[in-house]
Amino acid sequence: MTVRTKPTGKLSVSRIERVDLVSEVVNRVRDEILAGRVSAGEQLPAEAEMTSRFGVSRTVVREAMCTLRAQGFVEISRGRIPRVRPADPVHAVESLSYLMTRKSQTPISLLEVRRPLETEVAALAAKRAAPEHLAKLSDNIQQLVGAKSLSERIVCDLQFHEALAVATGNPIFPLLFRVLAELLNDSLRKTHRRVGVERTIIGHRSILSAVEAGDPERARNAMAEHITWAEEDLKESE
């Protein structure tokens, strides 16, 4: 690819001479945003200016902006110049969820992912959980005990695990669990409907007890046992 460059303001300028022009514009603008050369809330160059800078048509620029909006990088209001959107993990979670949903996976394969991930989450929560995290986990268990409908039980079950991920203090764990949660609904619906919620409550209480005691190894083992029970319940429900 041959490019010609010249000085610019907020976006580096290289005329694009490739077949996939939309993707190239998307990549260039996204790289500038990720590098921090265009800040959150800041306007991008106007459409006419971008067509001149990149040497592409208005149609290409418009399609590129639509793609960047779908990816969560820019926000576009009618009649206004696109602005850089503040970092928001929701789009990344949604994109990964869609990708995972389209790939073939089984409930057992999800459990194989949960086992190493959530046992480590439990261990870290035992080291780092603050009083407000412990209160949240305890309250969640009480909500699960009192849940009347199947949907309520599933929500409470998932919320306990997400709250545990939050208690690690590592923001990546809750994001990862939200992706898993999108995929766990069907298997949880099967197990809660067929075998009930009693073992889930016992498992959650055992995990919380270990976390409250600040015992990482005990928390890790309690989560491992909880996931083993989930696997047994899943096989029984099939």
C-alpha atoms as a PDB file:
ATOM      1  CA  MET A   1       0.000   0.000   0.000  1.00  0.00           C
ATOM      2  CA  THR A   2       1.306   3.428  -0.964  1.00  0.00           C
ATOM      3  CA  VAL A   3       0.336   6.353   1.228  1.00  0.00           C
ATOM      4  CA  ARG A   4       1.054  10.074   1.248  1.00  0.00           C
ATOM      5  CA  THR A   5       1.136  11.814   4.591  1.00  0.00           C
ATOM      6  CA  LYS A   6       0.976  15.427   5.638  1.00  0.00           C
ATOM      7  CA  PRO A   7       0.738  17.240   8.988  1.00  0.00           C
ATOM      8  CA  THR A   8      -2.642  17.333  10.682  1.00  0.00           C
ATOM      9  CA  GLY A   9      -4.438  18.273  13.872  1.00  0.00           C
ATOM     10  CA  LYS A  10      -6.179  15.561  15.825  1.00  0.00           C
ATOM     11  CA  LEU A  11      -6.124  12.787  13.232  1.00  0.00           C
ATOM     12  CA  SER A  12      -3.044  11.612  11.408  1.00  0.00           C
ATOM     13  CA  VAL A  13      -3.519  11.869   7.659  1.00  0.00           C
ATOM     14  CA  SER A  14      -2.653   9.192   5.166  1.00  0.00           C
ATOM     15  CA  ARG A  15      -4.564   8.942   1.919  1.00  0.00           C
ATOM     16  CA  ILE A  16      -6.015   5.457   1.678  1.00  0.00           C
ATOM     17  CA  GLU A  17      -5.460   3.429  -1.445  1.00  0.00           C
ATOM     18  CA  ARG A  18      -7.001   0.098  -0.577  1.00  0.00           C
ATOM     19  CA  VAL A  19     -10.041  -1.833  -1.682  1.00  0.00           C
ATOM     20  CA  ASP A  20     -11.627  -2.068   1.763  1.00  0.00           C
ATOM     21  CA  LEU A  21     -11.849   1.653   2.350  1.00  0.00           C
ATOM     22  CA  VAL A  22     -14.481   1.562   5.078  1.00  0.00           C
ATOM     23  CA  SER A  23     -12.443  -0.832   7.233  1.00  0.00           C
ATOM     24  CA  GLU A  24      -9.326   1.240   6.697  1.00  0.00           C
ATOM     25  CA  VAL A  25     -11.035   4.442   7.842  1.00  0.00           C
ATOM     26  CA  VAL A  26     -12.474   2.596  10.840  1.00  0.00           C
ATOM     27  CA  ASN A  27      -9.048   1.265  11.770  1.00  0.00           C
ATOM     28  CA  ARG A  28      -7.337   4.653  11.390  1.00  0.00           C
ATOM     29  CA  VAL A  29      -9.881   6.554  13.478  1.00  0.00           C
ATOM     30  CA  ARG A  30     -10.087   3.822  16.100  1.00  0.00           C
ATOM     31  CA  ASP A  31      -6.302   3.766  16.455  1.00  0.00           C
ATOM     32  CA  GLU A  32      -6.290   7.524  17.044  1.00  0.00           C
ATOM     33  CA  ILE A  33      -8.951   7.181  19.752  1.00  0.00           C
ATOM     34  CA  LEU A  34      -7.219   4.273  21.474  1.00  0.00           C
ATOM     35  CA  ALA A  35      -3.925   6.169  21.404  1.00  0.00           C
ATOM     36  CA  GLY A  36      -5.621   9.030  23.225  1.00  0.00           C
ATOM     37  CA  ARG A  37      -4.976  11.563  20.483  1.00  0.00           C
ATOM     38  CA  VAL A  38      -8.713  12.304  20.387  1.00  0.00           C
ATOM     39  CA  SER A  39     -10.276  12.538  23.829  1.00  0.00           C
ATOM     40  CA  ALA A  40     -13.662  11.360  25.058  1.00  0.00           C
ATOM     41  CA  GLY A  41     -16.328  13.939  24.268  1.00  0.00           C
ATOM     42  CA  GLU A  42     -14.215  15.600  21.608  1.00  0.00           C
ATOM     43  CA  GLN A  43     -15.570  16.111  18.103  1.00  0.00           C
ATOM     44  CA  LEU A  44     -14.058  14.292  15.164  1.00  0.00           C
ATOM     45  CA  PRO A  45     -13.332  16.286  12.005  1.00  0.00           C
ATOM     46  CA  ALA A  46     -16.385  17.139   9.905  1.00  0.00           C
ATOM     47  CA  GLU A  47     -17.399  14.714   7.172  1.00  0.00           C
ATOM     48  CA  ALA A  48     -16.079  16.927   4.363  1.00  0.00           C
ATOM     49  CA  GLU A  49     -12.743  17.312   6.101  1.00  0.00           C
ATOM     50  CA  MET A  50     -12.402  13.563   6.643  1.00  0.00           C
ATOM     51  CA  THR A  51     -13.137  12.803   3.011  1.00  0.00           C
ATOM     52  CA  SER A  52     -10.347  15.202   2.053  1.00  0.00           C
ATOM     53  CA  ARG A  53      -7.879  13.923   4.615  1.00  0.00           C
ATOM     54  CA  PHE A  54      -8.354  10.246   3.809  1.00  0.00           C
ATOM     55  CA  GLY A  55      -9.030  10.663   0.109  1.00  0.00           C
ATOM     56  CA  VAL A  56     -12.293   8.703   0.231  1.00  0.00           C
ATOM     57  CA  SER A  57     -15.928   9.431  -0.562  1.00  0.00           C
ATOM     58  CA  ARG A  58     -18.561  10.752   1.828  1.00  0.00           C
ATOM     59  CA  THR A  59     -20.284   7.371   1.654  1.00  0.00           C
ATOM     60  CA  VAL A  60     -17.168   5.631   2.944  1.00  0.00           C
ATOM     61  CA  VAL A  61     -16.853   8.096   5.830  1.00  0.00           C
ATOM     62  CA  ARG A  62     -20.525   7.690   6.748  1.00  0.00           C
ATOM     63  CA  GLU A  63     -20.285   3.885   6.750  1.00  0.00           C
ATOM     64  CA  ALA A  64     -17.113   4.051   8.817  1.00  0.00           C
ATOM     65  CA  MET A  65     -18.819   6.274  11.393  1.00  0.00           C
ATOM     66  CA  CYS A  66     -21.748   3.850  11.601  1.00  0.00           C
ATOM     67  CA  THR A  67     -19.322   1.005  12.255  1.00  0.00           C
ATOM     68  CA  LEU A  68     -17.485   2.988  14.920  1.00  0.00           C
ATOM     69  CA  ARG A  69     -20.791   3.838  16.565  1.00  0.00           C
ATOM     70  CA  ALA A  70     -21.761   0.141  16.625  1.00  0.00           C
ATOM     71  CA  GLN A  71     -18.396  -0.639  18.218  1.00  0.00           C
ATOM     72  CA  GLY A  72     -18.996   1.972  20.908  1.00  0.00           C
ATOM     73  CA  PHE A  73     -16.234   4.374  19.867  1.00  0.00           C
ATOM     74  CA  VAL A  74     -18.312   7.332  18.676  1.00  0.00           C
ATOM     75  CA  GLU A  75     -21.739   8.781  19.277  1.00  0.00           C
ATOM     76  CA  ILE A  76     -23.681  10.383  16.455  1.00  0.00           C
ATOM     77  CA  SER A  77     -26.610  12.763  16.824  1.00  0.00           C
ATOM     78  CA  ARG A  78     -28.716  13.887  13.880  1.00  0.00           C
ATOM     79  CA  GLY A  79     -27.203  16.947  12.248  1.00  0.00           C
ATOM     80  CA  ARG A  80     -24.145  16.984  14.491  1.00  0.00           C
ATOM     81  CA  ILE A  81     -20.492  16.061  14.030  1.00  0.00           C
ATOM     82  CA  PRO A  82     -19.615  12.666  15.604  1.00  0.00           C
ATOM     83  CA  ARG A  83     -17.994  12.789  19.028  1.00  0.00           C
ATOM     84  CA  VAL A  84     -15.695  10.289  20.724  1.00  0.00           C
ATOM     85  CA  ARG A  85     -17.688   8.239  23.171  1.00  0.00           C
ATOM     86  CA  PRO A  86     -16.347   7.687  26.710  1.00  0.00           C
ATOM     87  CA  ALA A  87     -14.954   4.207  27.326  1.00  0.00           C
ATOM     88  CA  ASP A  88     -17.842   1.855  28.026  1.00  0.00           C
ATOM     89  CA  PRO A  89     -17.289  -1.894  28.596  1.00  0.00           C
ATOM     90  CA  VAL A  90     -20.914  -2.725  27.761  1.00  0.00           C
ATOM     91  CA  HIS A  91     -20.225  -2.813  24.015  1.00  0.00           C
ATOM     92  CA  ALA A  92     -17.275  -5.148  24.475  1.00  0.00           C
ATOM     93  CA  VAL A  93     -19.350  -7.463  26.654  1.00  0.00           C
ATOM     94  CA  GLU A  94     -22.211  -7.463  24.155  1.00  0.00           C
ATOM     95  CA  SER A  95     -19.891  -8.166  21.232  1.00  0.00           C
ATOM     96  CA  LEU A  96     -18.242 -11.077  23.012  1.00  0.00           C
ATOM     97  CA  SER A  97     -21.641 -12.407  24.096  1.00  0.00           C
ATOM     98  CA  TYR A  98     -22.887 -12.363  20.489  1.00  0.00           C
ATOM     99  CA  LEU A  99     -19.736 -14.099  19.320  1.00  0.00           C
ATOM    100  CA  MET A 100     -19.983 -16.785  21.990  1.00  0.00           C
ATOM    101  CA  THR A 101     -23.668 -17.340  21.235  1.00  0.00           C
ATOM    102  CA  ARG A 102     -22.892 -17.957  17.574  1.00  0.00           C
ATOM    103  CA  LYS A 103     -20.175 -20.457  18.395  1.00  0.00           C
ATOM    104  CA  SER A 104     -21.170 -24.010  19.274  1.00  0.00           C
ATOM    105  CA  GLN A 105     -20.797 -24.661  22.961  1.00  0.00           C
ATOM    106  CA  THR A 106     -22.375 -26.994  25.482  1.00  0.00           C
ATOM    107  CA  PRO A 107     -23.346 -26.451  29.134  1.00  0.00           C
ATOM    108  CA  ILE A 108     -20.453 -28.705  30.110  1.00  0.00           C
ATOM    109  CA  SER A 109     -17.974 -26.611  28.129  1.00  0.00           C
ATOM    110  CA  LEU A 110     -19.192 -23.548  30.034  1.00  0.00           C
ATOM    111  CA  LEU A 111     -18.604 -25.346  33.325  1.00  0.00           C
ATOM    112  CA  GLU A 112     -15.067 -26.128  32.215  1.00  0.00           C
ATOM    113  CA  VAL A 113     -14.504 -22.385  31.787  1.00  0.00           C
ATOM    114  CA  ARG A 114     -16.242 -21.483  35.043  1.00  0.00           C
ATOM    115  CA  ARG A 115     -14.198 -23.891  37.164  1.00  0.00           C
ATOM    116  CA  PRO A 116     -10.748 -22.219  36.854  1.00  0.00           C
ATOM    117  CA  LEU A 117     -12.227 -18.729  36.541  1.00  0.00           C
ATOM    118  CA  GLU A 118     -14.636 -18.778  39.463  1.00  0.00           C
ATOM    119  CA  THR A 119     -12.447 -20.732  41.856  1.00  0.00           C
ATOM    120  CA  GLU A 120      -9.826 -18.003  41.472  1.00  0.00           C
ATOM    121  CA  VAL A 121     -12.518 -15.339  41.847  1.00  0.00           C
ATOM    122  CA  ALA A 122     -13.603 -16.912  45.147  1.00  0.00           C
ATOM    123  CA  ALA A 123     -10.019 -17.050  46.411  1.00  0.00           C
ATOM    124  CA  LEU A 124      -9.365 -13.402  45.537  1.00  0.00           C
ATOM    125  CA  ALA A 125     -12.672 -12.335  47.077  1.00  0.00           C
ATOM    126  CA  ALA A 126     -11.619 -14.035  50.311  1.00  0.00           C
ATOM    127  CA  LYS A 127      -8.489 -11.867  50.310  1.00  0.00           C
ATOM    128  CA  ARG A 128     -10.054  -8.574  49.259  1.00  0.00           C
ATOM    129  CA  ALA A 129     -13.771  -8.452  50.057  1.00  0.00           C
ATOM    130  CA  ALA A 130     -14.826  -5.333  51.967  1.00  0.00           C
ATOM    131  CA  PRO A 131     -17.703  -5.288  54.477  1.00  0.00           C
ATOM    132  CA  GLU A 132     -20.093  -3.922  51.859  1.00  0.00           C
ATOM    133  CA  HIS A 133     -19.242  -6.827  49.562  1.00  0.00           C
ATOM    134  CA  LEU A 134     -19.961  -9.339  52.313  1.00  0.00           C
ATOM    135  CA  ALA A 135     -23.261  -7.636  53.077  1.00  0.00           C
ATOM    136  CA  LYS A 136     -24.214  -7.758  49.401  1.00  0.00           C
ATOM    137  CA  LEU A 137     -23.416 -11.470  49.155  1.00  0.00           C
ATOM    138  CA  SER A 138     -25.354 -12.267  52.321  1.00  0.00           C
ATOM    139  CA  ASP A 139     -28.349 -10.253  51.169  1.00  0.00           C
ATOM    140  CA  ASN A 140     -28.268 -12.012  47.816  1.00  0.00           C
ATOM    141  CA  ILE A 141     -28.469 -15.424  49.492  1.00  0.00           C
ATOM    142  CA  GLN A 142     -31.501 -14.291  51.480  1.00  0.00           C
ATOM    143  CA  GLN A 143     -33.124 -13.111  48.268  1.00  0.00           C
ATOM    144  CA  LEU A 144     -32.451 -16.508  46.696  1.00  0.00           C
ATOM    145  CA  VAL A 145     -34.028 -18.277  49.678  1.00  0.00           C
ATOM    146  CA  GLY A 146     -37.125 -16.110  49.364  1.00  0.00           C
ATOM    147  CA  ALA A 147     -37.394 -16.175  45.571  1.00  0.00           C
ATOM    148  CA  LYS A 148     -40.778 -17.515  44.443  1.00  0.00           C
ATOM    149  CA  SER A 149     -40.415 -17.839  40.688  1.00  0.00           C
ATOM    150  CA  LEU A 150     -37.924 -19.666  38.526  1.00  0.00           C
ATOM    151  CA  SER A 151     -36.847 -16.413  36.887  1.00  0.00           C
ATOM    152  CA  GLU A 152     -36.185 -14.793  40.277  1.00  0.00           C
ATOM    153  CA  ARG A 153     -34.054 -17.741  41.358  1.00  0.00           C
ATOM    154  CA  ILE A 154     -31.946 -17.567  38.220  1.00  0.00           C
ATOM    155  CA  VAL A 155     -31.413 -13.821  38.642  1.00  0.00           C
ATOM    156  CA  CYS A 156     -30.395 -14.260  42.296  1.00  0.00           C
ATOM    157  CA  ASP A 157     -28.064 -17.125  41.419  1.00  0.00           C
ATOM    158  CA  LEU A 158     -26.271 -15.082  38.767  1.00  0.00           C
ATOM    159  CA  GLN A 159     -26.168 -11.959  40.946  1.00  0.00           C
ATOM    160  CA  PHE A 160     -24.356 -13.837  43.713  1.00  0.00           C
ATOM    161  CA  HIS A 161     -21.572 -14.864  41.343  1.00  0.00           C
ATOM    162  CA  GLU A 162     -21.314 -11.400  39.829  1.00  0.00           C
ATOM    163  CA  ALA A 163     -21.170  -9.834  43.312  1.00  0.00           C
ATOM    164  CA  LEU A 164     -18.366 -12.243  44.168  1.00  0.00           C
ATOM    165  CA  ALA A 165     -16.502 -11.115  41.037  1.00  0.00           C
ATOM    166  CA  VAL A 166     -16.959  -7.490  42.086  1.00  0.00           C
ATOM    167  CA  ALA A 167     -15.548  -8.342  45.534  1.00  0.00           C
ATOM    168  CA  THR A 168     -12.195  -9.255  43.937  1.00  0.00           C
ATOM    169  CA  GLY A 169     -11.605  -5.575  43.206  1.00  0.00           C
ATOM    170  CA  ASN A 170     -10.533  -6.505  39.679  1.00  0.00           C
ATOM    171  CA  PRO A 171     -12.962  -4.912  37.180  1.00  0.00           C
ATOM    172  CA  ILE A 172     -12.193  -7.502  34.506  1.00  0.00           C
ATOM    173  CA  PHE A 173     -13.777 -10.364  36.449  1.00  0.00           C
ATOM    174  CA  PRO A 174     -17.299  -8.862  36.506  1.00  0.00           C
ATOM    175  CA  LEU A 175     -17.040  -8.212  32.772  1.00  0.00           C
ATOM    176  CA  LEU A 176     -16.064 -11.803  32.086  1.00  0.00           C
ATOM    177  CA  PHE A 177     -18.843 -13.112  34.275  1.00  0.00           C
ATOM    178  CA  ARG A 178     -21.442 -10.978  32.499  1.00  0.00           C
ATOM    179  CA  VAL A 179     -20.461 -12.699  29.263  1.00  0.00           C
ATOM    180  CA  LEU A 180     -20.833 -16.106  30.914  1.00  0.00           C
ATOM    181  CA  ALA A 181     -24.141 -15.097  32.471  1.00  0.00           C
ATOM    182  CA  GLU A 182     -25.621 -14.530  29.011  1.00  0.00           C
ATOM    183  CA  LEU A 183     -24.771 -18.126  28.175  1.00  0.00           C
ATOM    184  CA  LEU A 184     -25.742 -19.720  31.495  1.00  0.00           C
ATOM    185  CA  ASN A 185     -29.442 -18.876  31.485  1.00  0.00           C
ATOM    186  CA  ASP A 186     -30.574 -21.996  29.646  1.00  0.00           C
ATOM    187  CA  SER A 187     -28.597 -24.450  31.764  1.00  0.00           C
ATOM    188  CA  LEU A 188     -29.653 -22.741  35.006  1.00  0.00           C
ATOM    189  CA  ARG A 189     -33.267 -22.850  33.914  1.00  0.00           C
ATOM    190  CA  LYS A 190     -32.960 -26.605  33.359  1.00  0.00           C
ATOM    191  CA  THR A 191     -31.280 -27.357  36.674  1.00  0.00           C
ATOM    192  CA  HIS A 192     -33.419 -25.062  38.841  1.00  0.00           C
ATOM    193  CA  ARG A 193     -36.599 -26.434  37.282  1.00  0.00           C
ATOM    194  CA  ARG A 194     -35.562 -30.086  37.609  1.00  0.00           C
ATOM    195  CA  VAL A 195     -33.550 -30.358  40.837  1.00  0.00           C
ATOM    196  CA  GLY A 196     -34.527 -27.203  42.708  1.00  0.00           C
ATOM    197  CA  VAL A 197     -32.418 -24.559  44.366  1.00  0.00           C
ATOM    198  CA  GLU A 198     -31.456 -26.196  47.664  1.00  0.00           C
ATOM    199  CA  ARG A 199     -27.928 -27.235  46.723  1.00  0.00           C
ATOM    200  CA  THR A 200     -27.322 -23.836  45.154  1.00  0.00           C
ATOM    201  CA  ILE A 201     -28.184 -22.164  48.461  1.00  0.00           C
ATOM    202  CA  ILE A 202     -25.920 -24.545  50.393  1.00  0.00           C
ATOM    203  CA  GLY A 203     -23.077 -23.876  47.954  1.00  0.00           C
ATOM    204  CA  HIS A 204     -23.467 -20.109  48.141  1.00  0.00           C
ATOM    205  CA  ARG A 205     -23.504 -20.187  51.933  1.00  0.00           C
ATOM    206  CA  SER A 206     -20.352 -22.307  52.004  1.00  0.00           C
ATOM    207  CA  ILE A 207     -18.562 -19.908  49.645  1.00  0.00           C
ATOM    208  CA  LEU A 208     -19.651 -16.865  51.633  1.00  0.00           C
ATOM    209  CA  SER A 209     -18.528 -18.449  54.902  1.00  0.00           C
ATOM    210  CA  ALA A 210     -15.043 -18.983  53.483  1.00  0.00           C
ATOM    211  CA  VAL A 211     -14.913 -15.450  52.079  1.00  0.00           C
ATOM    212  CA  GLU A 212     -16.040 -13.987  55.418  1.00  0.00           C
ATOM    213  CA  ALA A 213     -13.300 -15.975  57.142  1.00  0.00           C
ATOM    214  CA  GLY A 214     -10.709 -14.552  54.745  1.00  0.00           C
ATOM    215  CA  ASP A 215      -9.617 -18.069  53.780  1.00  0.00           C
ATOM    216  CA  PRO A 216      -8.689 -18.166  50.057  1.00  0.00           C
ATOM    217  CA  GLU A 217      -8.023 -21.905  49.870  1.00  0.00           C
ATOM    218  CA  ARG A 218     -11.266 -22.776  51.591  1.00  0.00           C
ATOM    219  CA  ALA A 219     -13.136 -20.368  49.303  1.00  0.00           C
ATOM    220  CA  ARG A 220     -11.484 -21.912  46.257  1.00  0.00           C
ATOM    221  CA  ASN A 221     -12.492 -25.413  47.389  1.00  0.00           C
ATOM    222  CA  ALA A 222     -16.039 -24.328  48.209  1.00  0.00           C
ATOM    223  CA  MET A 223     -16.467 -22.891  44.721  1.00  0.00           C
ATOM    224  CA  ALA A 224     -14.965 -25.999  43.114  1.00  0.00           C
ATOM    225  CA  GLU A 225     -17.460 -28.160  44.991  1.00  0.00           C
ATOM    226  CA  HIS A 226     -20.305 -25.814  44.034  1.00  0.00           C
ATOM    227  CA  ILE A 227     -19.440 -26.114  40.338  1.00  0.00           C
ATOM    228  CA  THR A 228     -19.123 -29.898  40.640  1.00  0.00           C
ATOM    229  CA  TRP A 229     -22.628 -29.982  42.105  1.00  0.00           C
ATOM    230  CA  ALA A 230     -23.815 -27.805  39.221  1.00  0.00           C
ATOM    231  CA  GLU A 231     -22.352 -30.298  36.778  1.00  0.00           C
ATOM    232  CA  GLU A 232     -24.092 -33.193  38.547  1.00  0.00           C
ATOM    233  CA  ASP A 233     -27.405 -31.324  38.583  1.00  0.00           C
ATOM    234  CA  LEU A 234     -27.050 -30.509  34.902  1.00  0.00           C
ATOM    235  CA  LYS A 235     -26.468 -34.148  33.987  1.00  0.00           C
ATOM    236  CA  GLU A 236     -29.438 -35.174  36.110  1.00  0.00           C
ATOM    237  CA  SER A 237     -31.680 -32.625  34.398  1.00  0.00           C
ATOM    238  CA  GLU A 238     -30.834 -33.866  30.894  1.00  0.00           C
END
